[in-house]
C-alpha cells in the first residue's frame, strides 16, 4: 500500500529535482504541504503532488501554445 504522505526528499526523487527546490516550492505555496510533529516536519499528500503535476502539464501546454517553434528552433 502506498503511503498517503511523502517526505520532501521523496517528492524530490519523484520530480527528479533537489530537496531544496521542493522546500522552496512548499514554502512559496506552489506545492501544498503540511507541517506535522513537534519538529514541524513537512509532508506532501500524494494526491496534492499528482494535482501539482497535472497543473504543471496544463501550464506547460498553455506555454507551448503561446510560444510555437520557429524555423530557427527546429534542429
PDB file of N, CA and C in Angstrom:
ATOM      1  N   UNK A   1       0.836  -1.194   0.000  1.00  0.00           N
ATOM      2  CA  UNK A   1       0.000   0.000   0.000  1.00  0.00           C
ATOM      3  C   UNK A   1       0.874   1.248   0.000  1.00  0.00           C
ATOM      4  N   UNK A   2       0.535   2.173  -0.889  1.00  0.00           N
ATOM      5  CA  UNK A   2       1.298   3.418  -0.959  1.00  0.00           C
ATOM      6  C   UNK A   2       0.968   4.313   0.226  1.00  0.00           C
ATOM      7  N   UNK A   3       1.978   4.989   0.693  1.00  0.00           N
ATOM      8  CA  UNK A   3       1.819   5.934   1.784  1.00  0.00           C
ATOM      9  C   UNK A   3       1.032   7.151   1.303  1.00  0.00           C
ATOM     10  N   UNK A   4       0.161   7.672   2.148  1.00  0.00           N
ATOM     11  CA  UNK A   4      -0.625   8.847   1.777  1.00  0.00           C
ATOM     12  C   UNK A   4       0.242  10.088   1.724  1.00  0.00           C
ATOM     13  N   UNK A   5       1.208  10.196   2.635  1.00  0.00           N
ATOM     14  CA  UNK A   5       2.056  11.374   2.719  1.00  0.00           C
ATOM     15  C   UNK A   5       3.494  11.045   2.349  1.00  0.00           C
ATOM     16  N   UNK A   6       4.160  12.001   1.722  1.00  0.00           N
ATOM     17  CA  UNK A   6       5.536  11.836   1.269  1.00  0.00           C
ATOM     18  C   UNK A   6       6.446  12.823   1.985  1.00  0.00           C
ATOM     19  N   UNK A   7       7.667  12.403   2.242  1.00  0.00           N
ATOM     20  CA  UNK A   7       8.710  13.301   2.717  1.00  0.00           C
ATOM     21  C   UNK A   7       9.102  14.218   1.561  1.00  0.00           C
ATOM     22  N   UNK A   8       9.671  15.366   1.884  1.00  0.00           N
ATOM     23  CA  UNK A   8      10.128  16.244   0.811  1.00  0.00           C
ATOM     24  C   UNK A   8      11.178  15.567  -0.056  1.00  0.00           C
ATOM     25  N   UNK A   9      12.000  14.727   0.557  1.00  0.00           N
ATOM     26  CA  UNK A   9      13.018  14.001  -0.220  1.00  0.00           C
ATOM     27  C   UNK A   9      12.370  13.015  -1.194  1.00  0.00           C
ATOM     28  N   UNK A  10      11.229  12.429  -0.801  1.00  0.00           N
ATOM     29  CA  UNK A  10      10.501  11.530  -1.705  1.00  0.00           C
ATOM     30  C   UNK A  10       9.931  12.310  -2.889  1.00  0.00           C
ATOM     31  N   UNK A  11       9.399  13.487  -2.605  1.00  0.00           N
ATOM     32  CA  UNK A  11       8.859  14.346  -3.661  1.00  0.00           C
ATOM     33  C   UNK A  11       9.987  14.754  -4.614  1.00  0.00           C
ATOM     34  N   UNK A  12      11.129  15.103  -4.056  1.00  0.00           N
ATOM     35  CA  UNK A  12      12.280  15.493  -4.881  1.00  0.00           C
ATOM     36  C   UNK A  12      12.685  14.345  -5.812  1.00  0.00           C
ATOM     37  N   UNK A  13      12.719  13.137  -5.264  1.00  0.00           N
ATOM     38  CA  UNK A  13      13.073  11.982  -6.091  1.00  0.00           C
ATOM     39  C   UNK A  13      12.031  11.753  -7.184  1.00  0.00           C
ATOM     40  N   UNK A  14      10.767  11.908  -6.832  1.00  0.00           N
ATOM     41  CA  UNK A  14       9.679  11.703  -7.789  1.00  0.00           C
ATOM     42  C   UNK A  14       9.754  12.704  -8.944  1.00  0.00           C
ATOM     43  N   UNK A  15      10.091  13.960  -8.619  1.00  0.00           N
ATOM     44  CA  UNK A  15      10.167  15.011  -9.638  1.00  0.00           C
ATOM     45  C   UNK A  15      11.554  15.159 -10.251  1.00  0.00           C
ATOM     46  N   UNK A  16      12.516  14.413  -9.732  1.00  0.00           N
ATOM     47  CA  UNK A  16      13.903  14.473 -10.200  1.00  0.00           C
ATOM     48  C   UNK A  16      14.468  15.891 -10.071  1.00  0.00           C
ATOM     49  N   UNK A  17      14.251  16.477  -8.884  1.00  0.00           N
ATOM     50  CA  UNK A  17      14.798  17.788  -8.551  1.00  0.00           C
ATOM     51  C   UNK A  17      15.467  17.689  -7.179  1.00  0.00           C
ATOM     52  N   UNK A  18      16.084  18.759  -6.733  1.00  0.00           N
ATOM     53  CA  UNK A  18      16.766  18.729  -5.439  1.00  0.00           C
ATOM     54  C   UNK A  18      15.775  18.909  -4.286  1.00  0.00           C
ATOM     55  N   UNK A  19      16.189  18.467  -3.116  1.00  0.00           N
ATOM     56  CA  UNK A  19      15.389  18.659  -1.906  1.00  0.00           C
ATOM     57  C   UNK A  19      15.127  20.149  -1.676  1.00  0.00           C
ATOM     58  N   UNK A  20      16.139  20.980  -1.917  1.00  0.00           N
ATOM     59  CA  UNK A  20      15.971  22.416  -1.679  1.00  0.00           C
ATOM     60  C   UNK A  20      14.957  23.027  -2.648  1.00  0.00           C
ATOM     61  N   UNK A  21      14.881  22.519  -3.863  1.00  0.00           N
ATOM     62  CA  UNK A  21      13.879  23.017  -4.803  1.00  0.00           C
ATOM     63  C   UNK A  21      12.473  22.689  -4.298  1.00  0.00           C
ATOM     64  N   UNK A  22      12.285  21.495  -3.779  1.00  0.00           N
ATOM     65  CA  UNK A  22      10.974  21.110  -3.254  1.00  0.00           C
ATOM     66  C   UNK A  22      10.639  21.959  -2.031  1.00  0.00           C
ATOM     67  N   UNK A  23      11.612  22.167  -1.160  1.00  0.00           N
ATOM     68  CA  UNK A  23      11.385  23.001   0.018  1.00  0.00           C
ATOM     69  C   UNK A  23      10.926  24.395  -0.408  1.00  0.00           C
ATOM     70  N   UNK A  24      11.557  24.963  -1.410  1.00  0.00           N
ATOM     71  CA  UNK A  24      11.169  26.285  -1.907  1.00  0.00           C
ATOM     72  C   UNK A  24       9.748  26.249  -2.475  1.00  0.00           C
ATOM     73  N   UNK A  25       9.398  25.202  -3.219  1.00  0.00           N
ATOM     74  CA  UNK A  25       8.057  25.074  -3.782  1.00  0.00           C
ATOM     75  C   UNK A  25       7.006  25.026  -2.678  1.00  0.00           C
ATOM     76  N   UNK A  26       7.321  24.319  -1.593  1.00  0.00           N
ATOM     77  CA  UNK A  26       6.410  24.210  -0.457  1.00  0.00           C
ATOM     78  C   UNK A  26       6.303  25.545   0.272  1.00  0.00           C
ATOM     79  N   UNK A  27       7.442  26.171   0.580  1.00  0.00           N
ATOM     80  CA  UNK A  27       7.443  27.423   1.339  1.00  0.00           C
ATOM     81  C   UNK A  27       6.794  28.568   0.557  1.00  0.00           C
ATOM     82  N   UNK A  28       6.877  28.526  -0.759  1.00  0.00           N
ATOM     83  CA  UNK A  28       6.269  29.574  -1.582  1.00  0.00           C
ATOM     84  C   UNK A  28       4.770  29.351  -1.787  1.00  0.00           C
ATOM     85  N   UNK A  29       4.286  28.161  -1.430  1.00  0.00           N
ATOM     86  CA  UNK A  29       2.876  27.837  -1.619  1.00  0.00           C
ATOM     87  C   UNK A  29       2.568  27.212  -2.960  1.00  0.00           C
ATOM     88  N   UNK A  30       3.584  27.042  -3.785  1.00  0.00           N
ATOM     89  CA  UNK A  30       3.379  26.440  -5.104  1.00  0.00           C
ATOM     90  C   UNK A  30       2.924  24.985  -4.986  1.00  0.00           C
ATOM     91  N   UNK A  31       3.474  24.277  -4.016  1.00  0.00           N
ATOM     92  CA  UNK A  31       3.122  22.873  -3.774  1.00  0.00           C
ATOM     93  C   UNK A  31       2.536  22.771  -2.371  1.00  0.00           C
ATOM     94  N   UNK A  32       1.243  22.447  -2.249  1.00  0.00           N
ATOM     95  CA  UNK A  32       0.625  22.354  -0.927  1.00  0.00           C
ATOM     96  C   UNK A  32       1.273  21.263  -0.074  1.00  0.00           C
ATOM     97  N   UNK A  33       1.482  21.586   1.202  1.00  0.00           N
ATOM     98  CA  UNK A  33       2.079  20.643   2.144  1.00  0.00           C
ATOM     99  C   UNK A  33       1.602  20.987   3.546  1.00  0.00           C
ATOM    100  N   UNK A  34       1.867  20.082   4.478  1.00  0.00           N
ATOM    101  CA  UNK A  34       1.533  20.317   5.880  1.00  0.00           C
ATOM    102  C   UNK A  34       2.777  20.119   6.729  1.00  0.00           C
ATOM    103  N   UNK A  35       2.774  20.767   7.886  1.00  0.00           N
ATOM    104  CA  UNK A  35       3.833  20.566   8.875  1.00  0.00           C
ATOM    105  C   UNK A  35       3.249  19.713   9.993  1.00  0.00           C
ATOM    106  N   UNK A  36       3.954  18.664  10.380  1.00  0.00           N
ATOM    107  CA  UNK A  36       3.453  17.790  11.428  1.00  0.00           C
ATOM    108  C   UNK A  36       4.544  17.532  12.460  1.00  0.00           C
ATOM    109  N   UNK A  37       4.112  17.079  13.617  1.00  0.00           N
ATOM    110  CA  UNK A  37       5.048  16.694  14.661  1.00  0.00           C
ATOM    111  C   UNK A  37       5.659  17.882  15.380  1.00  0.00           C
ATOM    112  N   UNK A  38       6.305  17.563  16.493  1.00  0.00           N
ATOM    113  CA  UNK A  38       6.924  18.582  17.323  1.00  0.00           C
ATOM    114  C   UNK A  38       8.046  19.328  16.631  1.00  0.00           C
ATOM    115  N   UNK A  39       8.686  18.683  15.678  1.00  0.00           N
ATOM    116  CA  UNK A  39       9.793  19.322  14.959  1.00  0.00           C
ATOM    117  C   UNK A  39       9.324  19.993  13.673  1.00  0.00           C
ATOM    118  N   UNK A  40       8.024  19.938  13.411  1.00  0.00           N
ATOM    119  CA  UNK A  40       7.470  20.617  12.239  1.00  0.00           C
ATOM    120  C   UNK A  40       8.001  20.096  10.925  1.00  0.00           C
ATOM    121  N   UNK A  41       7.977  18.792  10.753  1.00  0.00           N
ATOM    122  CA  UNK A  41       8.462  18.207   9.503  1.00  0.00           C
ATOM    123  C   UNK A  41       7.394  18.331   8.425  1.00  0.00           C
ATOM    124  N   UNK A  42       7.835  18.650   7.232  1.00  0.00           N
ATOM    125  CA  UNK A  42       6.933  18.828   6.106  1.00  0.00           C
ATOM    126  C   UNK A  42       6.529  17.491   5.503  1.00  0.00           C
ATOM    127  N   UNK A  43       5.253  17.415   5.086  1.00  0.00           N
ATOM    128  CA  UNK A  43       4.751  16.252   4.368  1.00  0.00           C
ATOM    129  C   UNK A  43       3.871  16.746   3.225  1.00  0.00           C
ATOM    130  N   UNK A  44       3.963  16.049   2.103  1.00  0.00           N
ATOM    131  CA  UNK A  44       3.147  16.366   0.931  1.00  0.00           C
ATOM    132  C   UNK A  44       2.229  15.180   0.682  1.00  0.00           C
ATOM    133  N   UNK A  45       0.956  15.456   0.614  1.00  0.00           N
ATOM    134  CA  UNK A  45      -0.001  14.391   0.334  1.00  0.00           C
ATOM    135  C   UNK A  45       0.165  13.955  -1.127  1.00  0.00           C
ATOM    136  N   UNK A  46       0.184  12.656  -1.332  1.00  0.00           N
ATOM    137  CA  UNK A  46       0.380  12.114  -2.681  1.00  0.00           C
ATOM    138  C   UNK A  46      -0.623  12.711  -3.670  1.00  0.00           C
ATOM    139  N   UNK A  47      -1.879  12.844  -3.259  1.00  0.00           N
ATOM    140  CA  UNK A  47      -2.907  13.403  -4.146  1.00  0.00           C
ATOM    141  C   UNK A  47      -2.569  14.831  -4.537  1.00  0.00           C
ATOM    142  N   UNK A  48      -2.023  15.624  -3.600  1.00  0.00           N
ATOM    143  CA  UNK A  48      -1.637  17.008  -3.900  1.00  0.00           C
ATOM    144  C   UNK A  48      -0.478  17.047  -4.883  1.00  0.00           C
ATOM    145  N   UNK A  49       0.450  16.100  -4.753  1.00  0.00           N
ATOM    146  CA  UNK A  49       1.563  16.029  -5.696  1.00  0.00           C
ATOM    147  C   UNK A  49       1.038  15.721  -7.096  1.00  0.00           C
ATOM    148  N   UNK A  50       0.106  14.785  -7.205  1.00  0.00           N
ATOM    149  CA  UNK A  50      -0.462  14.454  -8.516  1.00  0.00           C
ATOM    150  C   UNK A  50      -1.206  15.643  -9.109  1.00  0.00           C
ATOM    151  N   UNK A  51      -1.934  16.401  -8.269  1.00  0.00           N
ATOM    152  CA  UNK A  51      -2.611  17.612  -8.739  1.00  0.00           C
ATOM    153  C   UNK A  51      -1.597  18.644  -9.226  1.00  0.00           C
ATOM    154  N   UNK A  52      -0.494  18.775  -8.497  1.00  0.00           N
ATOM    155  CA  UNK A  52       0.568  19.700  -8.877  1.00  0.00           C
ATOM    156  C   UNK A  52       1.133  19.315 -10.253  1.00  0.00           C
ATOM    157  N   UNK A  53       1.388  18.044 -10.443  1.00  0.00           N
ATOM    158  CA  UNK A  53       1.933  17.568 -11.724  1.00  0.00           C
ATOM    159  C   UNK A  53       0.951  17.855 -12.852  1.00  0.00           C
ATOM    160  N   UNK A  54      -0.328  17.575 -12.638  1.00  0.00           N
ATOM    161  CA  UNK A  54      -1.340  17.853 -13.668  1.00  0.00           C
ATOM    162  C   UNK A  54      -1.398  19.345 -13.977  1.00  0.00           C
ATOM    163  N   UNK A  55      -1.316  20.184 -12.939  1.00  0.00           N
ATOM    164  CA  UNK A  55      -1.327  21.633 -13.135  1.00  0.00           C
ATOM    165  C   UNK A  55      -0.124  22.069 -13.964  1.00  0.00           C
ATOM    166  N   UNK A  56       1.032  21.482 -13.696  1.00  0.00           N
ATOM    167  CA  UNK A  56       2.240  21.834 -14.450  1.00  0.00           C
ATOM    168  C   UNK A  56       2.134  21.404 -15.915  1.00  0.00           C
ATOM    169  N   UNK A  57       1.501  20.240 -16.160  1.00  0.00           N
ATOM    170  CA  UNK A  57       1.260  19.821 -17.547  1.00  0.00           C
ATOM    171  C   UNK A  57       0.386  20.846 -18.266  1.00  0.00           C
ATOM    172  N   UNK A  58      -0.678  21.307 -17.603  1.00  0.00           N
ATOM    173  CA  UNK A  58      -1.586  22.284 -18.211  1.00  0.00           C
ATOM    174  C   UNK A  58      -0.865  23.608 -18.460  1.00  0.00           C
ATOM    175  N   UNK A  59      -0.067  24.066 -17.488  1.00  0.00           N
ATOM    176  CA  UNK A  59       0.688  25.308 -17.653  1.00  0.00           C
ATOM    177  C   UNK A  59       1.690  25.191 -18.798  1.00  0.00           C
ATOM    178  N   UNK A  60       2.338  24.053 -18.894  1.00  0.00           N
ATOM    179  CA  UNK A  60       3.318  23.840 -19.961  1.00  0.00           C
ATOM    180  C   UNK A  60       2.640  23.815 -21.320  1.00  0.00           C
ATOM    181  N   UNK A  61       1.488  23.146 -21.408  1.00  0.00           N
ATOM    182  CA  UNK A  61       0.752  23.085 -22.677  1.00  0.00           C
ATOM    183  C   UNK A  61       0.331  24.485 -23.106  1.00  0.00           C
ATOM    184  N   UNK A  62      -0.120  25.295 -22.154  1.00  0.00           N
ATOM    185  CA  UNK A  62      -0.504  26.674 -22.450  1.00  0.00           C
ATOM    186  C   UNK A  62       0.699  27.475 -22.940  1.00  0.00           C
ATOM    187  N   UNK A  63       1.831  27.287 -22.287  1.00  0.00           N
ATOM    188  CA  UNK A  63       3.049  27.994 -22.688  1.00  0.00           C
ATOM    189  C   UNK A  63       3.460  27.584 -24.106  1.00  0.00           C
ATOM    190  N   UNK A  64       3.393  26.292 -24.403  1.00  0.00           N
ATOM    191  CA  UNK A  64       3.773  25.797 -25.731  1.00  0.00           C
ATOM    192  C   UNK A  64       2.860  26.390 -26.797  1.00  0.00           C
ATOM    193  N   UNK A  65       1.556  26.454 -26.510  1.00  0.00           N
ATOM    194  CA  UNK A  65       0.614  27.060 -27.482  1.00  0.00           C
ATOM    195  C   UNK A  65       0.958  28.520 -27.732  1.00  0.00           C
ATOM    196  N   UNK A  66       1.394  29.217 -26.716  1.00  0.00           N
ATOM    197  CA  UNK A  66       1.720  30.633 -26.861  1.00  0.00           C
ATOM    198  C   UNK A  66       3.116  30.906 -27.385  1.00  0.00           C
ATOM    199  N   UNK A  67       3.939  29.877 -27.475  1.00  0.00           N
ATOM    200  CA  UNK A  67       5.329  30.026 -27.928  1.00  0.00           C
ATOM    201  C   UNK A  67       5.672  28.934 -28.947  1.00  0.00           C
ATOM    202  N   UNK A  68       5.048  28.997 -30.123  1.00  0.00           N
ATOM    203  CA  UNK A  68       5.309  27.953 -31.120  1.00  0.00           C
ATOM    204  C   UNK A  68       6.759  27.979 -31.594  1.00  0.00           C
ATOM    205  N   UNK A  69       7.201  26.832 -32.051  1.00  0.00           N
ATOM    206  CA  UNK A  69       8.565  26.727 -32.584  1.00  0.00           C
ATOM    207  C   UNK A  69       8.689  27.557 -33.855  1.00  0.00           C
ATOM    208  N   UNK A  70       9.788  28.277 -33.958  1.00  0.00           N
ATOM    209  CA  UNK A  70      10.104  28.988 -35.182  1.00  0.00           C
ATOM    210  C   UNK A  70      11.044  28.134 -35.996  1.00  0.00           C
ATOM    211  N   UNK A  71      11.298  28.528 -37.219  1.00  0.00           N
ATOM    212  CA  UNK A  71      12.197  27.729 -38.062  1.00  0.00           C
ATOM    213  C   UNK A  71      13.584  27.630 -37.468  1.00  0.00           C
ATOM    214  N   UNK A  72      14.027  28.664 -36.748  1.00  0.00           N
ATOM    215  CA  UNK A  72      15.361  28.625 -36.153  1.00  0.00           C
ATOM    216  C   UNK A  72      15.428  27.603 -35.004  1.00  0.00           C
ATOM    217  N   UNK A  73      14.276  27.330 -34.370  1.00  0.00           N
ATOM    218  CA  UNK A  73      14.244  26.447 -33.207  1.00  0.00           C
ATOM    219  C   UNK A  73      14.301  24.963 -33.579  1.00  0.00           C
ATOM    220  N   UNK A  74      13.968  24.630 -34.808  1.00  0.00           N
ATOM    221  CA  UNK A  74      13.913  23.229 -35.231  1.00  0.00           C
ATOM    222  C   UNK A  74      15.312  22.754 -35.573  1.00  0.00           C
ATOM    223  N   UNK A  75      15.672  21.603 -35.035  1.00  0.00           N
ATOM    224  CA  UNK A  75      17.006  21.038 -35.341  1.00  0.00           C
ATOM    225  C   UNK A  75      16.908  19.912 -36.314  1.00  0.00           C
TER     226      UNK A  75
END
